[in-house]
Amino acid sequence: MKNLLCLLLISSITSFGQIVHKKKYSVLGSPFEITVISKDTVEGNFFCKEAIGEVKRIEHLISDWIPTTQVSKINQNAGIQPVKVDFEVFDLLERAVKISKLTNGAFDISYASMDRIWKFDGSMKQMPTEEEIKNSVAKVGYQNIIFNSKDTTVFLKNKGMKLGLGGIGQGYIADKIKDLLQEKGCKAGVVNVSGDINTWGNQLDGSPWTVGIINPMNKNKVFATFPLVDSAVETSGSYEKYVTFNGTRYSHIIDPRTGYPSSGIVSVSVFAKKTELADALATSIFVMGIEVGLDLVNQLNGIECIIVDDKGAIHVSKHIDLKNN
């Protein structure tokens, strides 16, 4: 769950000769919202149409549930042979693996190889056994994704391996839409792909785009607001999809290294220049936990985060001062 924890706060001031044009869609099975500053409705609709076209283009490259995409072809040939892909796909997958190395495997696009032994629909009555949990991640391992940069091929070493870009794909799409609309002459806007938000330019009154962060334990209140100046934020939450066993709350975000669900965190907001990176790091922090997650973020230039734990307490990286927000 993402989009209910981060609100885009738009100024009501208007400007002669420009309008705020906003469209909502459902794409990739998730809510998608595009807000642009345009000279009129015709131009606004043009920008929005271009954005949707870009979503569909990328979806037909990287979706793992459309059987004809390049990522699906990689999955279909796991343990059989390398698959040649476009440089765009090759580059994205390589960046994803770099994040796996950075997070010691807390983020891993081969998570899609996991057996789905955890159920978060209320049907689980007891925890899986240790053996079942261990076996569920036997095919997971970014180390077994083999890249050949000369031929731009990708090979999954083991049969049964599968790539899924759910933890980075929406952020990548947000970045690509921003790049495309800027190329098309859109001076300012916001793209929101299910909580992956990227901005450029300013609002009509000249002020920066602003987001409000919500504590899932008190969803009626924005506890902090932040300007986004040509930058991105990704907010993820586990407050609705979880199970509780022996007094421990397990979220739907599962550690691909161990097979155990993450615990202790209900929401993570990551600020970065690229939504792609914010998306992947938010997932990683859930898995790594508060202390390790904050330690990682504090070592990365230009990255900040806010974590809400399962008691409602708020934890922030070193350059965030909630008193001034």
Protein backbone atom coordinates (compact mmCIF):
# COMPACT_ATOMS: atom_id res chain seq x y z
CA MET A 1 0.00 0.00 0.00
CA LYS A 2 1.50 3.33 -0.99
CA ASN A 3 -0.64 6.20 -2.12
CA LEU A 4 -2.65 6.88 1.06
CA LEU A 5 0.40 7.90 3.08
CA CYS A 6 1.71 10.78 0.97
CA LEU A 7 -0.46 13.69 -0.15
CA LEU A 8 0.36 16.18 -2.90
CA LEU A 9 -0.51 19.65 -1.61
CA ILE A 10 -1.38 21.95 -4.53
CA SER A 11 -1.70 25.72 -4.24
CA SER A 12 -5.12 27.14 -5.19
CA ILE A 13 -3.58 30.27 -6.75
CA THR A 14 -4.13 30.55 -10.49
CA SER A 15 -2.06 32.26 -13.15
CA PHE A 16 -3.16 34.05 -16.30
CA GLY A 17 -2.34 32.01 -19.38
CA GLN A 18 -1.59 28.81 -17.49
CA ILE A 19 -3.66 26.12 -15.81
CA VAL A 20 -3.17 23.11 -13.56
CA HIS A 21 -4.31 20.10 -15.56
CA LYS A 22 -4.79 16.81 -13.70
CA LYS A 23 -5.81 13.33 -14.84
CA LYS A 24 -6.32 10.08 -12.93
CA TYR A 25 -6.03 6.64 -14.46
CA SER A 26 -5.62 3.04 -13.39
CA VAL A 27 -2.53 1.44 -14.91
CA LEU A 28 -0.42 -1.56 -13.94
CA GLY A 29 -3.24 -2.50 -11.58
CA SER A 30 -2.54 0.65 -9.54
CA PRO A 31 -3.75 4.26 -9.35
CA PHE A 32 -1.83 6.67 -11.57
CA GLU A 33 -2.11 10.46 -11.45
CA ILE A 34 -0.49 13.07 -13.65
CA THR A 35 -0.55 16.81 -12.87
CA VAL A 36 0.88 19.28 -15.38
CA ILE A 37 1.08 23.03 -15.80
CA SER A 38 -0.09 23.83 -19.31
CA LYS A 39 -1.27 26.79 -21.35
CA ASP A 40 -4.73 25.27 -21.87
CA THR A 41 -6.74 22.03 -21.67
CA VAL A 42 -5.67 20.92 -25.15
CA GLU A 43 -1.99 21.06 -24.23
CA GLY A 44 -2.73 19.47 -20.85
CA ASN A 45 -4.51 16.55 -22.52
CA PHE A 46 -1.60 16.14 -24.93
CA PHE A 47 0.90 15.86 -22.06
CA CYS A 48 -1.34 13.37 -20.24
CA LYS A 49 -1.76 11.25 -23.38
CA GLU A 50 2.02 11.18 -23.84
CA ALA A 51 2.42 10.06 -20.22
CA ILE A 52 -0.03 7.17 -20.62
CA GLY A 53 1.70 6.13 -23.84
CA GLU A 54 5.01 5.95 -21.97
CA VAL A 55 3.47 3.81 -19.22
CA LYS A 56 2.19 1.32 -21.79
CA ARG A 57 5.51 1.29 -23.66
CA ILE A 58 7.47 0.42 -20.54
CA GLU A 59 4.85 -2.02 -19.31
CA HIS A 60 5.31 -4.01 -22.54
CA LEU A 61 9.06 -4.13 -21.89
CA ILE A 62 9.33 -5.03 -18.21
CA SER A 63 6.06 -6.54 -16.96
CA ASP A 64 6.49 -10.11 -15.77
CA TRP A 65 2.81 -10.96 -16.21
CA ILE A 66 2.60 -10.06 -19.91
CA PRO A 67 4.14 -13.18 -21.56
CA THR A 68 5.61 -11.34 -24.55
CA THR A 69 7.75 -8.79 -22.65
CA GLN A 70 11.53 -8.99 -22.54
CA VAL A 71 11.51 -9.68 -18.80
CA SER A 72 9.01 -12.51 -19.32
CA LYS A 73 11.27 -13.96 -22.03
CA ILE A 74 14.16 -13.93 -19.55
CA ASN A 75 11.98 -15.77 -17.04
CA GLN A 76 10.80 -18.30 -19.63
CA ASN A 77 14.42 -19.13 -20.48
CA ALA A 78 15.66 -19.49 -16.89
CA GLY A 79 18.25 -22.25 -16.72
CA ILE A 80 18.08 -22.67 -20.50
CA GLN A 81 19.74 -19.80 -22.36
CA PRO A 82 20.56 -16.07 -22.24
CA VAL A 83 18.02 -13.66 -23.71
CA LYS A 84 18.97 -10.57 -25.73
CA VAL A 85 17.19 -7.44 -24.51
CA ASP A 86 17.08 -3.74 -25.35
CA PHE A 87 19.78 -1.66 -23.70
CA GLU A 88 17.07 0.15 -21.69
CA VAL A 89 15.98 -3.12 -20.07
CA PHE A 90 19.56 -4.35 -19.64
CA ASP A 91 20.57 -1.10 -17.94
CA LEU A 92 17.55 -1.12 -15.59
CA LEU A 93 18.22 -4.72 -14.53
CA GLU A 94 21.90 -3.96 -13.94
CA ARG A 95 21.00 -0.96 -11.76
CA ALA A 96 18.58 -3.14 -9.81
CA VAL A 97 21.35 -5.64 -9.06
CA LYS A 98 23.64 -2.81 -7.96
CA ILE A 99 20.98 -1.89 -5.37
CA SER A 100 20.90 -5.56 -4.31
CA LYS A 101 24.63 -5.37 -3.63
CA LEU A 102 24.26 -2.04 -1.82
CA THR A 103 21.55 -3.49 0.46
CA ASN A 104 23.19 -6.90 0.94
CA GLY A 105 20.29 -8.59 -0.81
CA ALA A 106 17.46 -6.90 1.10
CA PHE A 107 16.35 -5.74 -2.35
CA ASP A 108 16.35 -8.49 -4.98
CA ILE A 109 14.43 -8.52 -8.27
CA SER A 110 14.60 -12.33 -8.27
CA TYR A 111 12.16 -12.21 -5.31
CA ALA A 112 9.54 -13.30 -7.85
CA SER A 113 11.06 -16.80 -7.59
CA MET A 114 9.69 -17.12 -4.03
CA ASP A 115 7.00 -19.65 -3.23
CA ARG A 116 3.92 -17.79 -1.99
CA ILE A 117 3.57 -19.52 1.37
CA TRP A 118 2.48 -16.41 3.29
CA LYS A 119 -1.13 -15.27 2.93
CA PHE A 120 -2.26 -11.81 3.97
CA ASP A 121 -5.96 -12.17 3.18
CA GLY A 122 -6.96 -13.43 6.64
CA SER A 123 -6.78 -17.11 5.70
CA MET A 124 -3.53 -17.95 7.55
CA LYS A 125 -4.08 -19.61 10.92
CA GLN A 126 -0.50 -20.59 11.74
CA MET A 127 3.04 -19.78 10.67
CA PRO A 128 4.71 -21.89 7.99
CA THR A 129 7.40 -24.24 9.29
CA GLU A 130 11.07 -23.22 9.26
CA GLU A 131 11.71 -25.74 6.49
CA GLU A 132 8.85 -24.39 4.36
CA ILE A 133 10.16 -20.84 4.81
CA LYS A 134 13.72 -21.85 3.91
CA ASN A 135 12.58 -23.77 0.83
CA SER A 136 10.40 -20.85 -0.31
CA VAL A 137 13.47 -18.75 -1.17
CA ALA A 138 15.68 -21.54 -2.55
CA LYS A 139 15.52 -20.12 -6.10
CA VAL A 140 16.03 -16.48 -5.06
CA GLY A 141 19.44 -14.89 -5.54
CA TYR A 142 20.52 -11.86 -7.54
CA GLN A 143 24.01 -13.45 -7.75
CA ASN A 144 22.54 -15.90 -10.27
CA ILE A 145 21.50 -13.16 -12.72
CA ILE A 146 24.20 -13.18 -15.40
CA PHE A 147 24.78 -10.10 -17.57
CA ASN A 148 26.68 -9.99 -20.86
CA SER A 149 27.21 -6.33 -21.68
CA LYS A 150 28.75 -7.06 -25.08
CA ASP A 151 25.64 -8.85 -26.35
CA THR A 152 23.16 -7.17 -23.94
CA THR A 153 21.89 -10.56 -22.81
CA VAL A 154 20.51 -11.58 -19.44
CA PHE A 155 20.56 -15.16 -18.16
CA LEU A 156 19.01 -16.69 -15.06
CA LYS A 157 21.31 -19.54 -14.09
CA ASN A 158 18.75 -21.75 -12.38
CA LYS A 159 15.47 -23.20 -13.62
CA GLY A 160 12.54 -21.82 -11.70
CA MET A 161 14.16 -18.41 -11.25
CA LYS A 162 11.99 -15.43 -12.07
CA LEU A 163 12.48 -11.67 -12.17
CA GLY A 164 9.85 -9.21 -10.98
CA LEU A 165 10.27 -5.44 -11.03
CA GLY A 166 7.48 -4.61 -8.57
CA GLY A 167 9.95 -2.95 -6.20
CA ILE A 168 11.53 -0.63 -8.77
CA GLY A 169 9.40 -0.60 -11.93
CA GLN A 170 6.85 1.99 -10.86
CA GLY A 171 9.61 4.36 -9.77
CA TYR A 172 11.35 3.84 -13.10
CA ILE A 173 8.12 4.64 -14.94
CA ALA A 174 7.68 7.87 -12.95
CA ASP A 175 11.21 8.96 -13.89
CA LYS A 176 10.71 8.16 -17.57
CA ILE A 177 7.43 10.08 -17.73
CA LYS A 178 9.11 13.11 -16.18
CA ASP A 179 11.95 12.93 -18.72
CA LEU A 180 9.54 12.54 -21.64
CA LEU A 181 7.24 15.40 -20.67
CA GLN A 182 10.18 17.73 -20.15
CA GLU A 183 11.38 16.84 -23.66
CA LYS A 184 7.89 17.61 -24.98
CA GLY A 185 8.01 21.09 -23.48
CA CYS A 186 6.12 20.62 -20.22
CA LYS A 187 7.72 23.11 -17.83
CA ALA A 188 6.24 21.82 -14.57
CA GLY A 189 4.36 18.84 -13.26
CA VAL A 190 4.03 15.90 -10.93
CA VAL A 191 3.74 12.23 -11.76
CA ASN A 192 2.36 9.88 -9.11
CA VAL A 193 2.51 6.16 -9.88
CA SER A 194 0.80 4.58 -6.86
CA GLY A 195 2.80 6.62 -4.37
CA ASP A 196 5.99 6.96 -6.43
CA ILE A 197 6.05 10.75 -6.88
CA ASN A 198 8.43 12.79 -9.03
CA THR A 199 8.26 16.53 -9.69
CA TRP A 200 9.75 19.20 -11.91
CA GLY A 201 9.28 22.96 -12.14
CA ASN A 202 7.07 24.92 -9.75
CA GLN A 203 3.40 25.48 -9.02
CA LEU A 204 1.48 28.34 -10.65
CA ASP A 205 2.30 30.71 -7.80
CA GLY A 206 6.02 29.96 -8.14
CA SER A 207 6.21 27.87 -4.98
CA PRO A 208 7.65 24.33 -5.01
CA TRP A 209 5.44 21.28 -5.22
CA THR A 210 4.81 20.08 -1.67
CA VAL A 211 3.94 16.70 -0.18
CA GLY A 212 2.45 15.89 3.20
CA ILE A 213 3.46 12.71 5.02
CA ILE A 214 0.83 10.82 7.02
CA ASN A 215 1.38 8.52 10.00
CA PRO A 216 -0.62 5.32 9.30
CA MET A 217 -1.41 5.15 13.03
CA ASN A 218 -3.16 8.54 12.76
CA LYS A 219 -4.31 8.84 9.16
CA ASN A 220 -6.31 12.02 9.72
CA LYS A 221 -3.21 14.09 10.35
CA VAL A 222 -0.29 15.21 8.18
CA PHE A 223 2.71 15.26 10.54
CA ALA A 224 5.22 16.80 8.13
CA THR A 225 5.30 18.65 4.81
CA PHE A 226 8.25 18.81 2.44
CA PRO A 227 8.94 20.81 -0.73
CA LEU A 228 9.99 18.71 -3.72
CA VAL A 229 12.29 20.70 -5.96
CA ASP A 230 12.95 18.67 -9.10
CA SER A 231 13.02 15.58 -6.91
CA ALA A 232 11.09 12.52 -5.82
CA VAL A 233 9.55 10.74 -2.87
CA GLU A 234 8.25 7.22 -2.45
CA THR A 235 6.04 6.22 0.46
CA SER A 236 5.23 2.60 1.19
CA GLY A 237 3.08 1.16 3.95
CA SER A 238 2.37 -2.24 5.41
CA TYR A 239 -0.35 -1.12 7.81
CA GLU A 240 -3.20 -2.97 6.06
CA LYS A 241 -1.56 -6.18 4.79
CA TYR A 242 -0.06 -8.16 7.66
CA VAL A 243 -0.50 -11.18 9.92
CA THR A 244 0.17 -11.53 13.66
CA PHE A 245 1.61 -14.64 15.28
CA ASN A 246 2.79 -14.93 18.90
CA GLY A 247 2.44 -11.19 19.37
CA THR A 248 4.67 -10.31 16.38
CA ARG A 249 3.24 -8.37 13.46
CA TYR A 250 4.53 -9.60 10.08
CA SER A 251 4.06 -7.37 7.02
CA HIS A 252 3.47 -8.43 3.42
CA ILE A 253 7.00 -7.27 2.49
CA ILE A 254 9.16 -10.39 2.71
CA ASP A 255 12.92 -10.59 3.16
CA PRO A 256 14.11 -12.36 -0.03
CA ARG A 257 17.18 -13.66 1.84
CA THR A 258 15.29 -15.51 4.57
CA GLY A 259 11.67 -15.90 3.47
CA TYR A 260 10.44 -14.23 6.66
CA PRO A 261 8.18 -11.15 6.43
CA SER A 262 9.55 -7.86 7.70
CA SER A 263 8.36 -6.60 11.07
CA GLY A 264 8.58 -3.48 13.21
CA ILE A 265 7.86 -0.90 10.46
CA VAL A 266 4.50 0.30 9.11
CA SER A 267 5.63 2.98 6.65
CA VAL A 268 8.74 4.28 4.93
CA SER A 269 9.14 7.51 2.95
CA VAL A 270 12.33 7.94 0.94
CA PHE A 271 13.38 11.22 -0.70
CA ALA A 272 15.77 11.14 -3.66
CA LYS A 273 16.44 12.71 -7.05
CA LYS A 274 15.19 9.58 -8.83
CA THR A 275 11.95 7.80 -7.98
CA GLU A 276 13.51 4.53 -9.14
CA LEU A 277 16.06 4.67 -6.33
CA ALA A 278 13.54 5.89 -3.75
CA ASP A 279 11.24 2.99 -4.68
CA ALA A 280 13.93 0.32 -4.29
CA LEU A 281 15.33 1.78 -1.07
CA ALA A 282 11.89 2.00 0.58
CA THR A 283 11.40 -1.72 0.02
CA SER A 284 14.93 -2.42 1.29
CA ILE A 285 14.44 -0.42 4.51
CA PHE A 286 11.34 -2.42 5.41
CA VAL A 287 13.46 -5.57 5.17
CA MET A 288 16.61 -4.20 6.84
CA GLY A 289 14.79 -2.64 9.79
CA ILE A 290 14.99 0.80 11.37
CA GLU A 291 18.58 0.89 12.64
CA VAL A 292 20.26 -0.71 9.62
CA GLY A 293 18.00 1.17 7.19
CA LEU A 294 18.78 4.57 8.69
CA ASP A 295 22.49 3.74 8.83
CA LEU A 296 22.46 2.99 5.09
CA VAL A 297 20.53 6.13 4.17
CA ASN A 298 22.82 8.30 6.29
CA GLN A 299 25.76 7.12 4.16
CA LEU A 300 24.11 8.01 0.84
CA ASN A 301 24.38 11.51 -0.60
CA GLY A 302 21.09 13.18 -1.46
CA ILE A 303 18.92 10.49 0.15
CA GLU A 304 16.70 11.02 3.19
CA CYS A 305 13.97 8.96 4.82
CA ILE A 306 11.20 8.92 7.42
CA ILE A 307 10.23 5.65 9.10
CA VAL A 308 7.11 5.02 11.20
CA ASP A 309 7.35 1.96 13.44
CA ASP A 310 4.54 -0.33 14.54
CA LYS A 311 4.12 1.66 17.77
CA GLY A 312 3.56 4.89 15.83
CA ALA A 313 6.98 6.37 16.67
CA ILE A 314 8.73 8.37 13.93
CA HIS A 315 12.40 7.89 13.00
CA VAL A 316 14.24 10.15 10.54
CA SER A 317 17.58 10.29 8.74
CA LYS A 318 20.16 12.82 9.87
CA HIS A 319 19.24 15.76 7.62
CA ILE A 320 15.51 15.78 8.34
CA ASP A 321 14.27 18.13 11.04
CA LEU A 322 10.60 17.54 11.76
CA LYS A 323 10.44 20.57 14.06
CA ASN A 324 10.79 22.85 11.03
CA ASN A 325 8.24 21.00 8.89
